[in-house]
């Protein structure tokens, strides 16, 4: 509540307008749903895309996020900003879908593929962007999620903690661990640049 007393008048007006829009959406006002969707869709999509790395899946997760959010808008208590609440839904929906797809792929993998996994050498890619994307994709789920939310999307550790249901300290630890793993994964590139 202390933060509300120190915010600018413009921000206070924005928050009041947002609360009014949420109240209208709770009453089933389709135009309020549309306005909330339009004001948040780009950031939700970017987060879903950064978590999935695939446009089509990110679009699907964006839609699923809004369907779930509007179906459960009564559950929004206002303890956090609407965008933080919405982003926690995005993370949950997206990570659940990625887990589901991973289980389905493991279940459906042909036996021939499973036999050759250990024997094939990883392909090296000279393009830094692709190497970085691969290194990020290889991070453990928690590290990857925090890294993408913090370093790519600019969320604070407090916002990440609230969205993921962890402490800010856990968010910081995951980010530190993720960055260390990226440094190790890309160390050969750093050595090449120094010579």
Protein backbone atom coordinates (compact mmCIF):
# COMPACT_ATOMS: atom_id res chain seq x y z
CA UNK A 1 0.00 0.00 0.00
CA UNK A 2 2.95 2.30 0.63
CA UNK A 3 3.82 2.15 -3.07
CA UNK A 4 0.38 3.50 -4.01
CA UNK A 5 1.05 6.74 -2.10
CA UNK A 6 4.28 7.38 -3.98
CA UNK A 7 3.09 6.76 -7.54
CA UNK A 8 2.59 9.55 -10.05
CA UNK A 9 -0.91 10.88 -10.76
CA UNK A 10 -0.70 9.50 -14.32
CA UNK A 11 0.11 6.03 -13.02
CA UNK A 12 -2.68 6.26 -10.45
CA UNK A 13 -5.11 7.10 -13.28
CA UNK A 14 -3.83 4.14 -15.30
CA UNK A 15 -4.28 1.79 -12.34
CA UNK A 16 -7.81 3.08 -11.69
CA UNK A 17 -8.72 2.61 -15.35
CA UNK A 18 -7.26 -0.91 -15.28
CA UNK A 19 -9.27 -1.79 -12.13
CA UNK A 20 -12.45 -0.50 -13.76
CA UNK A 21 -11.71 -2.57 -16.87
CA UNK A 22 -11.14 -5.69 -14.76
CA UNK A 23 -14.40 -5.09 -12.90
CA UNK A 24 -16.24 -4.83 -16.22
CA UNK A 25 -14.53 -8.02 -17.44
CA UNK A 26 -15.66 -9.81 -14.25
CA UNK A 27 -19.23 -8.89 -15.13
CA UNK A 28 -18.76 -10.49 -18.57
CA UNK A 29 -18.32 -7.30 -20.62
CA UNK A 30 -16.87 -8.50 -23.96
CA UNK A 31 -15.45 -5.07 -24.78
CA UNK A 32 -13.51 -5.12 -21.48
CA UNK A 33 -12.16 -8.58 -22.35
CA UNK A 34 -11.10 -7.26 -25.74
CA UNK A 35 -9.41 -4.18 -24.22
CA UNK A 36 -7.50 -6.30 -21.67
CA UNK A 37 -6.50 -8.72 -24.42
CA UNK A 38 -5.25 -5.96 -26.71
CA UNK A 39 -3.27 -4.22 -23.98
CA UNK A 40 -1.47 -7.41 -22.86
CA UNK A 41 -1.34 -9.76 -25.87
CA UNK A 42 2.04 -8.63 -27.22
CA UNK A 43 3.90 -9.15 -23.95
CA UNK A 44 2.15 -12.47 -23.26
CA UNK A 45 3.06 -13.68 -26.76
CA UNK A 46 6.71 -12.60 -26.36
CA UNK A 47 6.98 -14.49 -23.07
CA UNK A 48 5.33 -17.61 -24.55
CA UNK A 49 7.60 -17.41 -27.59
CA UNK A 50 10.72 -17.05 -25.48
CA UNK A 51 9.69 -20.09 -23.46
CA UNK A 52 8.74 -22.25 -26.47
CA UNK A 53 10.92 -20.90 -29.27
CA UNK A 54 8.13 -21.63 -31.76
CA UNK A 55 5.73 -19.08 -33.22
CA UNK A 56 2.76 -21.40 -33.72
CA UNK A 57 3.01 -22.86 -30.22
CA UNK A 58 3.50 -19.40 -28.70
CA UNK A 59 0.33 -18.19 -30.44
CA UNK A 60 -1.57 -21.19 -29.12
CA UNK A 61 -0.22 -20.63 -25.59
CA UNK A 62 -1.16 -16.95 -25.81
CA UNK A 63 -4.74 -17.87 -26.64
CA UNK A 64 -4.83 -20.53 -23.93
CA UNK A 65 -3.53 -17.97 -21.43
CA UNK A 66 -6.34 -15.53 -22.16
CA UNK A 67 -9.01 -18.24 -22.17
CA UNK A 68 -7.81 -19.40 -18.76
CA UNK A 69 -7.44 -15.85 -17.44
CA UNK A 70 -10.91 -14.75 -18.47
CA UNK A 71 -12.47 -17.98 -17.19
CA UNK A 72 -10.80 -17.41 -13.82
CA UNK A 73 -10.84 -13.62 -13.61
CA UNK A 74 -12.87 -13.87 -10.41
CA UNK A 75 -9.73 -15.32 -8.86
CA UNK A 76 -7.72 -12.16 -9.55
CA UNK A 77 -7.52 -10.54 -6.11
CA UNK A 78 -5.52 -7.50 -7.08
CA UNK A 79 -2.63 -8.33 -4.73
CA UNK A 80 -0.34 -7.92 -7.73
CA UNK A 81 -0.71 -6.12 -11.02
CA UNK A 82 -2.98 -7.70 -13.61
CA UNK A 83 0.01 -8.14 -15.94
CA UNK A 84 1.94 -10.07 -13.28
CA UNK A 85 -1.07 -12.32 -12.69
CA UNK A 86 -1.47 -12.81 -16.44
CA UNK A 87 2.20 -13.63 -16.89
CA UNK A 88 2.07 -16.23 -14.12
CA UNK A 89 -0.76 -17.89 -16.05
CA UNK A 90 1.33 -17.69 -19.25
CA UNK A 91 4.27 -19.40 -17.58
CA UNK A 92 2.06 -22.09 -16.08
CA UNK A 93 0.13 -22.80 -19.29
CA UNK A 94 3.27 -22.82 -21.44
CA UNK A 95 5.42 -24.96 -19.16
CA UNK A 96 2.59 -27.46 -18.72
CA UNK A 97 2.23 -27.75 -22.49
CA UNK A 98 5.98 -28.16 -22.98
CA UNK A 99 6.00 -30.93 -20.35
CA UNK A 100 3.04 -32.61 -22.04
CA UNK A 101 4.77 -32.48 -25.43
CA UNK A 102 8.02 -33.79 -23.96
CA UNK A 103 6.21 -36.76 -22.44
CA UNK A 104 4.40 -37.42 -25.73
CA UNK A 105 7.67 -37.28 -27.72
CA UNK A 106 9.38 -39.65 -25.30
CA UNK A 107 6.46 -42.05 -25.50
CA UNK A 108 6.30 -41.87 -29.32
CA UNK A 109 10.04 -41.99 -30.10
CA UNK A 110 10.89 -44.83 -32.47
CA UNK A 111 13.23 -47.46 -31.07
CA UNK A 112 15.76 -46.76 -33.86
CA UNK A 113 16.07 -43.14 -32.68
CA UNK A 114 16.60 -44.21 -29.10
CA UNK A 115 19.39 -46.57 -30.19
CA UNK A 116 21.32 -43.82 -32.01
CA UNK A 117 20.99 -40.98 -29.50
CA UNK A 118 24.19 -41.76 -27.63
CA UNK A 119 26.22 -42.45 -30.76
CA UNK A 120 25.61 -39.28 -32.73
CA UNK A 121 27.94 -36.36 -32.26
CA UNK A 122 26.33 -33.00 -31.60
CA UNK A 123 26.36 -30.67 -34.55
CA UNK A 124 28.32 -27.50 -33.97
CA UNK A 125 26.90 -24.30 -35.39
CA UNK A 126 29.20 -21.34 -36.10
CA UNK A 127 26.43 -18.77 -35.76
CA UNK A 128 26.42 -17.24 -32.29
CA UNK A 129 22.68 -16.65 -32.21
CA UNK A 130 21.93 -20.29 -32.92
CA UNK A 131 24.52 -21.45 -30.40
CA UNK A 132 23.06 -19.15 -27.75
CA UNK A 133 19.51 -20.30 -28.53
CA UNK A 134 20.60 -23.93 -28.25
CA UNK A 135 22.45 -23.25 -24.99
CA UNK A 136 19.41 -21.50 -23.53
CA UNK A 137 17.13 -24.33 -24.67
CA UNK A 138 19.44 -26.80 -22.91
CA UNK A 139 19.15 -25.04 -19.56
CA UNK A 140 17.11 -26.77 -16.86
CA UNK A 141 13.50 -25.58 -16.98
CA UNK A 142 13.69 -23.32 -13.90
CA UNK A 143 16.92 -21.65 -15.00
CA UNK A 144 15.64 -21.17 -18.55
CA UNK A 145 12.35 -19.67 -17.40
CA UNK A 146 13.98 -17.20 -15.01
CA UNK A 147 16.71 -16.32 -17.53
CA UNK A 148 14.13 -15.57 -20.24
CA UNK A 149 11.85 -13.62 -17.92
CA UNK A 150 14.69 -11.58 -16.36
CA UNK A 151 17.30 -11.09 -19.06
CA UNK A 152 15.11 -11.24 -22.16
CA UNK A 153 11.83 -9.73 -20.94
CA UNK A 154 13.06 -7.46 -18.17
CA UNK A 155 10.98 -8.79 -15.29
CA UNK A 156 12.30 -8.06 -11.78
CA UNK A 157 13.10 -10.92 -9.43
CA UNK A 158 10.08 -9.93 -7.34
CA UNK A 159 7.78 -10.16 -10.38
CA UNK A 160 9.31 -13.49 -11.39
CA UNK A 161 8.94 -14.81 -7.84
CA UNK A 162 5.28 -13.86 -7.80
CA UNK A 163 4.63 -15.29 -11.27
CA UNK A 164 6.35 -18.60 -10.55
CA UNK A 165 5.34 -18.97 -6.90
CA UNK A 166 8.92 -18.95 -5.61
CA UNK A 167 10.97 -16.52 -3.53
CA UNK A 168 13.00 -13.69 -5.05
CA UNK A 169 16.09 -15.47 -3.71
CA UNK A 170 15.19 -18.59 -5.66
CA UNK A 171 14.75 -16.48 -8.78
CA UNK A 172 18.19 -14.91 -8.28
CA UNK A 173 19.76 -18.33 -7.68
CA UNK A 174 18.15 -19.79 -10.81
CA UNK A 175 19.36 -16.82 -12.87
CA UNK A 176 22.90 -17.14 -11.51
CA UNK A 177 22.93 -20.89 -12.15
CA UNK A 178 21.56 -20.38 -15.68
CA UNK A 179 24.12 -17.72 -16.54
CA UNK A 180 26.94 -19.94 -15.25
CA UNK A 181 25.73 -22.84 -17.41
CA UNK A 182 25.55 -20.52 -20.44
CA UNK A 183 29.12 -19.30 -19.80
CA UNK A 184 30.30 -22.90 -19.75
CA UNK A 185 28.31 -23.86 -22.83
CA UNK A 186 29.67 -20.90 -24.82
CA UNK A 187 33.20 -20.80 -23.36
CA UNK A 188 34.78 -21.97 -26.62
CA UNK A 189 33.32 -18.94 -28.40
CA UNK A 190 34.79 -16.57 -25.84
CA UNK A 191 38.22 -18.18 -26.29
CA UNK A 192 37.95 -17.83 -30.09
CA UNK A 193 37.14 -14.12 -29.79
CA UNK A 194 40.11 -13.48 -27.51
CA UNK A 195 42.65 -14.83 -30.02
